[in-house]
């Protein structure tokens, strides 16, 4: 049966359409997907390189700072393991309190967490509760900050005690002032750095 011109054009158009669909499915779509994957990989690698460059620059900066500090204060000793560091710092806090004339009520360390600046180190908080005369408060704080391994003061809360001969009502809240019985209640939180345990130690602990 002979096809009319109209049917012939319809068949040709349908064949072209099917060919275009097949070309898209078999060639264009895979190429587009491969290109998108290539762009994503490029962005991922570029981000990784940028992070690596940033880390290297930070390491170089810290190395320069460390060299400068060592020229002033002498060569730094490596950080001690957490348990040893905490024990040593606890003993030095007691010594600082005795030397500064501070009545130490407690000094409690928290569990360590990884330090963001250096994965080989861990940071813990030491919460100190004490009472002292006004003139000895900052002498004690300065002594604590000079203890090796203490990074910084994270929190400081000072409050004055009741006055001698005063009422037995609630304590007044507000900034600590000298006077009364001369005693200041001090709550101090400092951050402490210690060496992170080796992976073999962590596995053994499990």
N, C-alpha and C. Protein backbone atom coordinates (compact mmCIF):
# COMPACT_ATOMS: atom_id res chain seq x y z
N UNK A 1 0.85 -1.19 0.00
CA UNK A 1 0.00 0.00 0.00
C UNK A 1 0.89 1.24 0.00
N UNK A 2 0.63 2.12 -0.91
CA UNK A 2 1.44 3.32 -1.03
C UNK A 2 1.04 4.30 0.07
N UNK A 3 2.09 4.95 0.69
CA UNK A 3 1.84 5.95 1.72
C UNK A 3 1.62 7.30 1.09
N UNK A 4 0.73 7.99 1.68
CA UNK A 4 0.51 9.35 1.20
C UNK A 4 1.66 10.24 1.65
N UNK A 5 1.74 11.39 1.05
CA UNK A 5 2.80 12.33 1.40
C UNK A 5 2.68 12.75 2.86
N UNK A 6 1.46 12.88 3.30
CA UNK A 6 1.24 13.28 4.71
C UNK A 6 1.71 12.21 5.67
N UNK A 7 1.41 10.94 5.36
CA UNK A 7 1.86 9.84 6.23
C UNK A 7 3.38 9.71 6.23
N UNK A 8 3.96 9.93 5.03
CA UNK A 8 5.42 9.83 4.93
C UNK A 8 6.08 10.90 5.80
N UNK A 9 5.53 12.11 5.77
CA UNK A 9 6.10 13.18 6.60
C UNK A 9 5.92 12.88 8.09
N UNK A 10 4.77 12.29 8.43
CA UNK A 10 4.54 11.94 9.83
C UNK A 10 5.54 10.88 10.30
N UNK A 11 5.79 9.85 9.42
CA UNK A 11 6.78 8.83 9.80
C UNK A 11 8.18 9.40 9.93
N UNK A 12 8.52 10.29 9.00
CA UNK A 12 9.86 10.92 9.08
C UNK A 12 9.98 11.75 10.36
N UNK A 13 8.93 12.53 10.67
CA UNK A 13 8.96 13.35 11.89
C UNK A 13 9.05 12.48 13.15
N UNK A 14 8.28 11.35 13.16
CA UNK A 14 8.34 10.45 14.30
C UNK A 14 9.71 9.81 14.45
N UNK A 15 10.31 9.46 13.30
CA UNK A 15 11.65 8.87 13.38
C UNK A 15 12.67 9.86 13.90
N UNK A 16 12.54 11.10 13.42
CA UNK A 16 13.47 12.14 13.91
C UNK A 16 13.30 12.35 15.40
N UNK A 17 12.03 12.38 15.86
CA UNK A 17 11.76 12.58 17.29
C UNK A 17 12.32 11.42 18.11
N UNK A 18 12.07 10.18 17.63
CA UNK A 18 12.63 9.03 18.36
C UNK A 18 14.14 9.06 18.37
N UNK A 19 14.74 9.45 17.23
CA UNK A 19 16.19 9.54 17.18
C UNK A 19 16.73 10.58 18.15
N UNK A 20 16.01 11.74 18.26
CA UNK A 20 16.43 12.79 19.19
C UNK A 20 16.35 12.31 20.63
N UNK A 21 15.23 11.58 20.93
CA UNK A 21 15.08 11.04 22.29
C UNK A 21 16.19 10.04 22.60
N UNK A 22 16.46 9.15 21.63
CA UNK A 22 17.52 8.18 21.84
C UNK A 22 18.87 8.84 21.99
N UNK A 23 19.12 9.90 21.20
CA UNK A 23 20.39 10.63 21.31
C UNK A 23 20.53 11.27 22.67
N UNK A 24 19.41 11.83 23.19
CA UNK A 24 19.46 12.47 24.52
C UNK A 24 19.72 11.44 25.62
N UNK A 25 18.96 10.31 25.52
CA UNK A 25 19.09 9.30 26.57
C UNK A 25 20.45 8.63 26.54
N UNK A 26 20.94 8.32 25.35
CA UNK A 26 22.18 7.56 25.24
C UNK A 26 23.44 8.42 25.26
N UNK A 27 23.33 9.68 24.89
CA UNK A 27 24.54 10.48 24.75
C UNK A 27 24.51 11.76 25.59
N UNK A 28 23.48 12.59 25.39
CA UNK A 28 23.48 13.91 26.01
C UNK A 28 23.31 13.82 27.53
N UNK A 29 22.34 12.99 27.98
CA UNK A 29 22.12 12.89 29.43
C UNK A 29 23.33 12.33 30.16
N UNK A 30 23.96 11.23 29.65
CA UNK A 30 25.18 10.77 30.33
C UNK A 30 26.29 11.81 30.35
N UNK A 31 26.42 12.56 29.26
CA UNK A 31 27.44 13.61 29.22
C UNK A 31 27.13 14.71 30.23
N UNK A 32 25.85 15.09 30.32
CA UNK A 32 25.47 16.13 31.28
C UNK A 32 25.71 15.66 32.71
N UNK A 33 25.36 14.38 32.98
CA UNK A 33 25.58 13.85 34.32
C UNK A 33 27.06 13.79 34.65
N UNK A 34 27.86 13.35 33.66
CA UNK A 34 29.30 13.28 33.88
C UNK A 34 29.88 14.67 34.11
N UNK A 35 29.38 15.67 33.39
CA UNK A 35 29.87 17.04 33.57
C UNK A 35 29.50 17.55 34.96
N UNK A 36 28.26 17.27 35.40
CA UNK A 36 27.84 17.71 36.74
C UNK A 36 28.70 17.04 37.82
N UNK A 37 28.99 15.75 37.64
CA UNK A 37 29.86 15.06 38.60
C UNK A 37 31.26 15.65 38.59
N UNK A 38 31.73 16.00 37.39
CA UNK A 38 33.07 16.60 37.28
C UNK A 38 33.13 17.94 37.99
N UNK A 39 32.07 18.75 37.83
CA UNK A 39 32.03 20.05 38.51
C UNK A 39 31.98 19.86 40.02
N UNK A 40 31.16 18.89 40.49
CA UNK A 40 31.07 18.64 41.93
C UNK A 40 32.41 18.17 42.49
N UNK A 41 33.08 17.27 41.76
CA UNK A 41 34.40 16.79 42.20
C UNK A 41 35.40 17.94 42.24
N UNK A 42 35.32 18.81 41.23
CA UNK A 42 36.24 19.95 41.19
C UNK A 42 36.02 20.86 42.40
N UNK A 43 34.75 21.14 42.71
CA UNK A 43 34.45 21.99 43.85
C UNK A 43 34.90 21.34 45.16
N UNK A 44 34.69 20.02 45.25
CA UNK A 44 35.10 19.31 46.46
C UNK A 44 36.62 19.33 46.63
N UNK A 45 37.34 19.10 45.53
CA UNK A 45 38.79 19.13 45.59
C UNK A 45 39.31 20.54 45.88
N UNK A 46 38.66 21.54 45.24
CA UNK A 46 39.07 22.92 45.49
C UNK A 46 38.87 23.30 46.95
N UNK A 47 37.73 22.85 47.54
CA UNK A 47 37.47 23.12 48.95
C UNK A 47 38.50 22.41 49.83
N UNK A 48 38.84 21.18 49.46
CA UNK A 48 39.84 20.43 50.23
C UNK A 48 41.20 21.10 50.16
N UNK A 49 41.58 21.57 48.97
CA UNK A 49 42.86 22.28 48.82
C UNK A 49 42.85 23.56 49.64
N UNK A 50 41.72 24.30 49.60
CA UNK A 50 41.63 25.55 50.35
C UNK A 50 41.77 25.29 51.85
N UNK A 51 41.12 24.22 52.35
CA UNK A 51 41.26 23.88 53.76
C UNK A 51 42.69 23.50 54.10
N UNK A 52 43.32 22.75 53.20
CA UNK A 52 44.70 22.33 53.43
C UNK A 52 45.63 23.54 53.48
N UNK A 53 45.42 24.48 52.56
CA UNK A 53 46.23 25.71 52.55
C UNK A 53 46.02 26.50 53.84
N UNK A 54 44.75 26.58 54.27
CA UNK A 54 44.44 27.31 55.50
C UNK A 54 45.12 26.66 56.71
N UNK A 55 45.02 25.34 56.79
CA UNK A 55 45.64 24.62 57.91
C UNK A 55 47.16 24.80 57.89
N UNK A 56 47.76 24.72 56.69
CA UNK A 56 49.21 24.89 56.60
C UNK A 56 49.64 26.29 57.01
N UNK A 57 48.86 27.30 56.58
CA UNK A 57 49.19 28.68 56.96
C UNK A 57 49.05 28.88 58.46
N UNK A 58 47.98 28.28 59.03
CA UNK A 58 47.80 28.39 60.48
C UNK A 58 48.94 27.69 61.23
N UNK A 59 49.34 26.52 60.73
CA UNK A 59 50.44 25.80 61.37
C UNK A 59 51.74 26.61 61.28
N UNK A 60 51.97 27.24 60.12
CA UNK A 60 53.17 28.06 59.96
C UNK A 60 53.13 29.26 60.91
N UNK A 61 51.93 29.86 61.06
CA UNK A 61 51.79 31.01 61.96
C UNK A 61 52.07 30.59 63.40
N UNK A 62 51.47 29.47 63.82
CA UNK A 62 51.69 29.00 65.19
C UNK A 62 53.15 28.63 65.42
N UNK A 63 53.79 28.06 64.39
CA UNK A 63 55.22 27.73 64.53
C UNK A 63 56.06 28.98 64.74
N UNK A 64 55.73 30.05 64.00
CA UNK A 64 56.44 31.32 64.18
C UNK A 64 56.22 31.89 65.57
N UNK A 65 54.93 31.84 66.01
CA UNK A 65 54.63 32.34 67.35
C UNK A 65 55.35 31.53 68.43
N UNK A 66 55.36 30.21 68.24
CA UNK A 66 56.04 29.35 69.20
C UNK A 66 57.52 29.66 69.27
N UNK A 67 58.15 29.88 68.11
CA UNK A 67 59.58 30.21 68.08
C UNK A 67 59.85 31.51 68.82
N UNK A 68 58.95 32.49 68.64
CA UNK A 68 59.13 33.77 69.33
C UNK A 68 58.99 33.60 70.84
N UNK A 69 57.99 32.83 71.26
CA UNK A 69 57.79 32.61 72.69
C UNK A 69 58.97 31.84 73.31
N UNK A 70 59.48 30.87 72.57
CA UNK A 70 60.60 30.09 73.10
C UNK A 70 61.86 30.94 73.21
N UNK A 71 62.02 31.93 72.34
CA UNK A 71 63.17 32.83 72.47
C UNK A 71 63.07 33.66 73.75
N UNK A 72 61.84 33.97 74.18
CA UNK A 72 61.65 34.78 75.38
C UNK A 72 61.66 33.91 76.64
N UNK A 73 60.89 32.82 76.60
CA UNK A 73 60.67 32.02 77.81
C UNK A 73 61.45 30.71 77.84
N UNK A 74 62.17 30.39 76.79
CA UNK A 74 62.86 29.12 76.74
C UNK A 74 62.03 28.05 76.06
N UNK A 75 62.63 26.92 75.77
CA UNK A 75 61.95 25.86 75.04
C UNK A 75 60.79 25.30 75.84
N UNK A 76 59.66 25.13 75.17
CA UNK A 76 58.46 24.62 75.83
C UNK A 76 58.52 23.10 75.93
N UNK A 77 58.06 22.57 77.04
CA UNK A 77 57.98 21.12 77.20
C UNK A 77 56.67 20.62 76.61
N UNK A 78 56.65 19.39 76.10
CA UNK A 78 55.41 18.86 75.51
C UNK A 78 54.34 18.70 76.57
N UNK A 79 53.06 18.82 76.18
CA UNK A 79 51.98 18.68 77.17
C UNK A 79 51.94 17.28 77.77
N UNK A 80 51.56 17.22 79.03
CA UNK A 80 51.48 15.95 79.72
C UNK A 80 50.15 15.27 79.42
N UNK A 81 50.08 13.94 79.61
CA UNK A 81 48.79 13.25 79.47
C UNK A 81 47.74 13.84 80.41
N UNK A 82 46.47 13.64 80.07
CA UNK A 82 45.39 14.31 80.80
C UNK A 82 45.44 14.03 82.30
N UNK A 83 45.49 12.77 82.70
CA UNK A 83 45.44 12.44 84.12
C UNK A 83 46.59 13.09 84.89
N UNK A 84 47.79 13.00 84.30
CA UNK A 84 48.96 13.59 84.95
C UNK A 84 48.86 15.11 85.01
N UNK A 85 48.38 15.69 83.90
CA UNK A 85 48.24 17.14 83.84
C UNK A 85 47.24 17.64 84.88
N UNK A 86 46.10 16.97 84.97
CA UNK A 86 45.06 17.39 85.91
C UNK A 86 45.55 17.27 87.35
N UNK A 87 46.24 16.17 87.65
CA UNK A 87 46.78 16.00 89.00
C UNK A 87 47.76 17.11 89.34
N UNK A 88 48.66 17.41 88.40
CA UNK A 88 49.66 18.46 88.63
C UNK A 88 49.00 19.81 88.82
N UNK A 89 48.04 20.14 87.96
CA UNK A 89 47.37 21.44 88.06
C UNK A 89 46.58 21.54 89.36
N UNK A 90 45.93 20.44 89.77
CA UNK A 90 45.20 20.45 91.04
C UNK A 90 46.14 20.76 92.21
N UNK A 91 47.33 20.15 92.19
CA UNK A 91 48.30 20.42 93.26
C UNK A 91 48.78 21.86 93.22
N UNK A 92 48.98 22.40 92.01
CA UNK A 92 49.46 23.78 91.90
C UNK A 92 48.37 24.79 92.27
N UNK A 93 47.11 24.45 92.05
CA UNK A 93 46.02 25.32 92.49
C UNK A 93 45.98 25.39 94.01
N UNK A 94 46.16 24.25 94.67
CA UNK A 94 46.21 24.23 96.13
C UNK A 94 47.38 25.08 96.63
N UNK A 95 48.55 24.93 95.97
CA UNK A 95 49.72 25.71 96.38
C UNK A 95 49.49 27.20 96.16
N UNK A 96 48.84 27.56 95.04
CA UNK A 96 48.55 28.97 94.76
C UNK A 96 47.60 29.54 95.80
N UNK A 97 46.61 28.73 96.22
CA UNK A 97 45.67 29.20 97.24
C UNK A 97 46.37 29.44 98.57
N UNK A 98 47.24 28.52 98.95
CA UNK A 98 47.97 28.68 100.21
C UNK A 98 48.89 29.89 100.16
N UNK A 99 49.55 30.07 99.04
CA UNK A 99 50.48 31.19 98.89
C UNK A 99 49.75 32.53 98.88
N UNK A 100 48.53 32.56 98.31
CA UNK A 100 47.79 33.81 98.18
C UNK A 100 46.87 34.09 99.36
N UNK A 101 46.85 33.22 100.35
CA UNK A 101 45.97 33.43 101.49
C UNK A 101 44.51 33.24 101.16
N UNK A 102 44.22 32.25 100.31
CA UNK A 102 42.85 31.99 99.87
C UNK A 102 42.35 30.70 100.50
N UNK A 103 41.12 30.71 100.95
CA UNK A 103 40.50 29.50 101.49
C UNK A 103 39.84 28.74 100.34
N UNK A 104 40.47 27.65 99.92
CA UNK A 104 39.99 26.87 98.79
C UNK A 104 38.91 25.90 99.25
N UNK A 105 37.73 26.01 98.64
CA UNK A 105 36.62 25.13 99.00
C UNK A 105 36.52 23.92 98.07
N UNK A 106 36.98 24.06 96.85
CA UNK A 106 36.93 22.95 95.91
C UNK A 106 37.52 23.34 94.57
N UNK A 107 38.07 22.35 93.89
CA UNK A 107 38.57 22.55 92.52
C UNK A 107 38.29 21.27 91.76
N UNK A 108 37.33 21.34 90.83
CA UNK A 108 36.83 20.14 90.16
C UNK A 108 37.08 20.23 88.66
N UNK A 109 37.79 19.25 88.08
CA UNK A 109 37.98 19.24 86.62
C UNK A 109 36.82 18.57 85.91
N UNK A 110 36.55 18.99 84.69
CA UNK A 110 35.53 18.34 83.86
C UNK A 110 36.20 17.35 82.92
N UNK A 111 35.40 16.53 82.28
CA UNK A 111 35.93 15.58 81.29
C UNK A 111 36.49 16.35 80.10
N UNK A 112 37.60 15.88 79.52
CA UNK A 112 38.22 16.62 78.41
C UNK A 112 37.45 16.43 77.11
N UNK A 113 37.59 17.42 76.24
CA UNK A 113 37.02 17.36 74.88
C UNK A 113 38.12 17.75 73.90
N UNK A 114 38.06 17.28 72.65
CA UNK A 114 39.10 17.64 71.66
C UNK A 114 39.18 19.15 71.49
N UNK A 115 40.41 19.65 71.38
CA UNK A 115 40.62 21.08 71.17
C UNK A 115 40.60 21.36 69.67
N UNK A 116 39.78 22.33 69.26
CA UNK A 116 39.58 22.58 67.83
C UNK A 116 40.85 23.03 67.14
N UNK A 117 41.74 23.72 67.86
CA UNK A 117 42.94 24.27 67.22
C UNK A 117 44.01 23.20 66.95
N UNK A 118 43.98 22.10 67.70
CA UNK A 118 45.02 21.08 67.54
C UNK A 118 44.44 19.73 67.98
N UNK A 119 44.25 18.79 67.04
CA UNK A 119 43.65 17.50 67.39
C UNK A 119 44.51 16.64 68.32
N UNK A 120 45.78 17.01 68.49
CA UNK A 120 46.63 16.23 69.40
C UNK A 120 46.46 16.67 70.85
N UNK A 121 45.63 17.68 71.09
CA UNK A 121 45.41 18.20 72.44
C UNK A 121 43.95 18.07 72.83
N UNK A 122 43.72 18.03 74.14
CA UNK A 122 42.37 18.04 74.69
C UNK A 122 42.23 19.22 75.64
N UNK A 123 41.02 19.74 75.79
CA UNK A 123 40.76 20.85 76.69
C UNK A 123 39.74 20.43 77.74
N UNK A 124 40.04 20.78 78.98
CA UNK A 124 39.11 20.53 80.08
C UNK A 124 38.92 21.83 80.85
N UNK A 125 37.87 21.89 81.63
CA UNK A 125 37.60 23.06 82.46
C UNK A 125 37.84 22.70 83.92
N UNK A 126 38.47 23.61 84.65
CA UNK A 126 38.69 23.46 86.08
C UNK A 126 37.80 24.47 86.79
N UNK A 127 36.83 23.98 87.56
CA UNK A 127 35.93 24.86 88.30
C UNK A 127 36.43 25.00 89.73
N UNK A 128 36.76 26.23 90.09
CA UNK A 128 37.37 26.51 91.39
C UNK A 128 36.40 27.32 92.23
N UNK A 129 36.22 26.90 93.47
CA UNK A 129 35.34 27.59 94.42
C UNK A 129 36.20 27.96 95.63
N UNK A 130 36.25 29.24 95.95
CA UNK A 130 37.13 29.68 97.03
C UNK A 130 36.57 30.92 97.70
N UNK A 131 37.19 31.28 98.82
CA UNK A 131 36.83 32.49 99.55
C UNK A 131 38.12 33.16 99.99
N UNK A 132 38.15 34.48 99.86
CA UNK A 132 39.37 35.20 100.17
C UNK A 132 39.06 36.64 100.51
N UNK A 133 40.03 37.28 101.16
CA UNK A 133 39.94 38.71 101.36
C UNK A 133 40.07 39.42 100.02
N UNK A 134 39.49 40.61 99.94
CA UNK A 134 39.48 41.34 98.68
C UNK A 134 40.87 41.51 98.09
N UNK A 135 41.85 41.80 98.95
CA UNK A 135 43.21 42.07 98.45
C UNK A 135 43.89 40.81 97.91
N UNK A 136 43.35 39.62 98.24
CA UNK A 136 43.99 38.37 97.80
C UNK A 136 43.32 37.73 96.59
N UNK A 137 42.15 38.24 96.20
CA UNK A 137 41.39 37.61 95.12
C UNK A 137 42.18 37.59 93.83
N UNK A 138 42.60 38.76 93.37
CA UNK A 138 43.27 38.82 92.07
C UNK A 138 44.71 38.32 92.14
N UNK A 139 45.27 38.31 93.34
CA UNK A 139 46.59 37.69 93.50
C UNK A 139 46.47 36.18 93.22
N UNK A 140 45.40 35.58 93.71
CA UNK A 140 45.17 34.15 93.47
C UNK A 140 44.87 33.89 91.99
N UNK A 141 44.02 34.72 91.38
CA UNK A 141 43.70 34.54 89.96
C UNK A 141 44.96 34.63 89.10
N UNK A 142 45.81 35.59 89.39
CA UNK A 142 47.06 35.73 88.63
C UNK A 142 47.95 34.51 88.80
N UNK A 143 47.99 33.96 90.01
CA UNK A 143 48.80 32.76 90.26
C UNK A 143 48.27 31.56 89.48
N UNK A 144 46.94 31.43 89.44
CA UNK A 144 46.33 30.32 88.70
C UNK A 144 46.63 30.44 87.21
N UNK A 145 46.53 31.66 86.67
CA UNK A 145 46.76 31.86 85.23
C UNK A 145 48.21 31.59 84.84
N UNK A 146 49.12 31.66 85.80
CA UNK A 146 50.53 31.39 85.50
C UNK A 146 50.88 29.90 85.59
N UNK A 147 49.92 29.07 85.98
CA UNK A 147 50.19 27.62 86.07
C UNK A 147 50.33 27.06 84.66
N UNK A 148 51.43 26.32 84.37
CA UNK A 148 51.60 25.73 83.03
C UNK A 148 50.44 24.81 82.68
N UNK A 149 49.89 24.98 81.48
CA UNK A 149 48.76 24.18 81.04
C UNK A 149 47.44 24.90 81.12
N UNK A 150 47.35 25.96 81.96
CA UNK A 150 46.13 26.76 82.05
C UNK A 150 46.09 27.68 80.84
N UNK A 151 44.99 27.58 80.09
CA UNK A 151 44.88 28.33 78.83
C UNK A 151 44.31 29.72 79.05
N UNK A 152 43.15 29.82 79.69
CA UNK A 152 42.52 31.13 79.90
C UNK A 152 41.44 31.02 80.96
N UNK A 153 41.00 32.18 81.43
CA UNK A 153 39.87 32.25 82.36
C UNK A 153 38.59 32.29 81.53
N UNK A 154 37.73 31.30 81.72
CA UNK A 154 36.50 31.22 80.96
C UNK A 154 35.34 31.91 81.67
N UNK A 155 35.36 31.91 83.00
CA UNK A 155 34.26 32.49 83.75
C UNK A 155 34.76 32.91 85.13
N UNK A 156 34.29 34.06 85.60
CA UNK A 156 34.66 34.57 86.92
C UNK A 156 33.44 35.17 87.57
N UNK A 157 33.13 34.72 88.77
CA UNK A 157 31.97 35.22 89.51
C UNK A 157 32.44 35.57 90.91
N UNK A 158 32.28 36.83 91.29
CA UNK A 158 32.65 37.30 92.62
C UNK A 158 31.41 37.82 93.32
N UNK A 159 31.25 37.48 94.58
CA UNK A 159 30.13 37.99 95.36
C UNK A 159 30.59 38.21 96.80
N UNK A 160 30.10 39.30 97.42
CA UNK A 160 30.50 39.62 98.77
C UNK A 160 29.69 38.87 99.80
N UNK A 161 30.27 38.63 100.96
CA UNK A 161 29.58 37.96 102.05
C UNK A 161 28.79 38.94 102.90
N UNK A 162 28.03 38.44 103.86
CA UNK A 162 27.23 39.32 104.73
C UNK A 162 28.13 40.14 105.66
N UNK A 163 27.66 41.31 106.03
CA UNK A 163 28.42 42.16 106.94
C UNK A 163 28.33 41.62 108.36
N UNK A 164 29.39 41.93 109.12
CA UNK A 164 29.39 41.50 110.52
C UNK A 164 28.27 42.20 111.27
N UNK A 165 27.55 41.45 112.05
CA UNK A 165 26.48 42.03 112.84
C UNK A 165 25.24 42.35 112.07
N UNK A 166 25.20 42.00 110.79
CA UNK A 166 24.05 42.31 109.96
C UNK A 166 22.94 41.31 110.16
N UNK A 167 21.86 41.50 109.43
CA UNK A 167 20.73 40.58 109.53
C UNK A 167 21.06 39.27 108.88
N UNK A 168 20.27 38.25 109.23
CA UNK A 168 20.49 36.92 108.68
C UNK A 168 19.58 36.66 107.48
N UNK A 169 19.14 37.72 106.82
CA UNK A 169 18.28 37.57 105.66
C UNK A 169 19.07 37.12 104.46
N UNK A 170 18.43 37.11 103.27
CA UNK A 170 19.11 36.67 102.04
C UNK A 170 20.31 37.56 101.75
N UNK A 171 21.33 36.97 101.19
CA UNK A 171 22.52 37.71 100.81
C UNK A 171 22.20 38.67 99.68
N UNK A 172 22.78 39.84 99.76
CA UNK A 172 22.59 40.81 98.69
C UNK A 172 23.37 40.38 97.47
N UNK A 173 22.75 40.51 96.32
CA UNK A 173 23.42 40.14 95.09
C UNK A 173 23.91 41.39 94.38
N UNK A 174 24.98 41.27 93.64
CA UNK A 174 25.52 42.40 92.93
C UNK A 174 27.02 42.32 92.91
N UNK A 175 27.70 43.33 92.39
CA UNK A 175 29.15 43.29 92.31
C UNK A 175 29.77 43.26 93.70
N UNK A 176 30.85 42.48 93.82
CA UNK A 176 31.51 42.35 95.12
C UNK A 176 32.17 43.67 95.49
N UNK A 177 32.08 44.04 96.78
CA UNK A 177 32.70 45.27 97.27
C UNK A 177 33.48 44.92 98.53
N UNK A 178 34.61 45.58 98.75
CA UNK A 178 35.32 45.35 100.01
C UNK A 178 34.51 45.88 101.17
N UNK A 179 34.71 45.34 102.30
CA UNK A 179 33.96 45.79 103.47
C UNK A 179 33.29 44.60 104.13
N UNK A 180 32.46 44.84 105.13
CA UNK A 180 31.81 43.74 105.83
C UNK A 180 32.86 42.91 106.54
N UNK A 181 32.78 41.59 106.35
CA UNK A 181 33.79 40.74 106.95
C UNK A 181 35.02 40.60 106.05
N UNK A 182 35.04 41.33 104.94
CA UNK A 182 36.21 41.33 104.07
C UNK A 182 36.38 40.09 103.25
N UNK A 183 35.40 39.18 103.24
CA UNK A 183 35.52 37.94 102.50
C UNK A 183 34.73 38.01 101.20
N UNK A 184 35.36 37.53 100.12
CA UNK A 184 34.74 37.48 98.81
C UNK A 184 34.59 36.02 98.40
N UNK A 185 33.37 35.63 98.04
CA UNK A 185 33.17 34.29 97.48
C UNK A 185 33.51 34.33 96.00
N UNK A 186 34.37 33.43 95.60
CA UNK A 186 34.93 33.45 94.23
C UNK A 186 34.67 32.11 93.55
N UNK A 187 34.06 32.18 92.37
CA UNK A 187 33.88 31.00 91.53
C UNK A 187 34.60 31.28 90.21
N UNK A 188 35.59 30.47 89.95
CA UNK A 188 36.49 30.70 88.82
C UNK A 188 36.54 29.45 87.95
N UNK A 189 36.39 29.62 86.65
CA UNK A 189 36.49 28.50 85.70
C UNK A 189 37.62 28.80 84.73
N UNK A 190 38.60 27.92 84.66
CA UNK A 190 39.72 28.08 83.74
C UNK A 190 39.80 26.88 82.80
N UNK A 191 40.27 27.12 81.59
CA UNK A 191 40.45 26.03 80.63
C UNK A 191 41.88 25.51 80.72
N UNK A 192 42.01 24.20 80.57
CA UNK A 192 43.28 23.51 80.72
C UNK A 192 43.55 22.66 79.48
N UNK A 193 44.78 22.69 78.98
CA UNK A 193 45.16 21.87 77.83
C UNK A 193 46.01 20.69 78.28
N UNK A 194 45.76 19.54 77.67
CA UNK A 194 46.53 18.34 77.96
C UNK A 194 46.65 17.53 76.67
N UNK A 195 47.64 16.65 76.64
CA UNK A 195 47.84 15.81 75.46
C UNK A 195 46.70 14.82 75.32
N UNK A 196 46.18 14.68 74.10
CA UNK A 196 45.14 13.69 73.84
C UNK A 196 45.73 12.29 73.92
N UNK A 197 44.99 11.31 74.42
CA UNK A 197 45.51 9.94 74.49
C UNK A 197 45.73 9.37 73.09
N UNK A 198 46.73 8.51 72.97
CA UNK A 198 46.98 7.86 71.69
C UNK A 198 45.83 6.91 71.36
N UNK A 199 45.66 6.61 70.06
CA UNK A 199 44.57 5.73 69.65
C UNK A 199 44.67 4.36 70.30
N UNK A 200 45.89 3.89 70.49
CA UNK A 200 46.06 2.58 71.12
C UNK A 200 45.56 2.61 72.56
N UNK A 201 45.73 3.77 73.25
CA UNK A 201 45.26 3.89 74.62
C UNK A 201 43.74 3.88 74.65
N UNK A 202 43.12 4.57 73.67
CA UNK A 202 41.66 4.62 73.62
C UNK A 202 41.08 3.23 73.39
N UNK A 203 41.65 2.47 72.44
CA UNK A 203 41.17 1.12 72.17
C UNK A 203 41.36 0.22 73.39
N UNK A 204 42.48 0.38 74.11
CA UNK A 204 42.73 -0.44 75.28
C UNK A 204 41.73 -0.11 76.39
N UNK A 205 41.36 1.18 76.47
CA UNK A 205 40.41 1.60 77.51
C UNK A 205 39.04 0.99 77.28
N UNK A 206 38.70 0.70 76.02
CA UNK A 206 37.40 0.09 75.73
C UNK A 206 37.38 -1.37 76.20
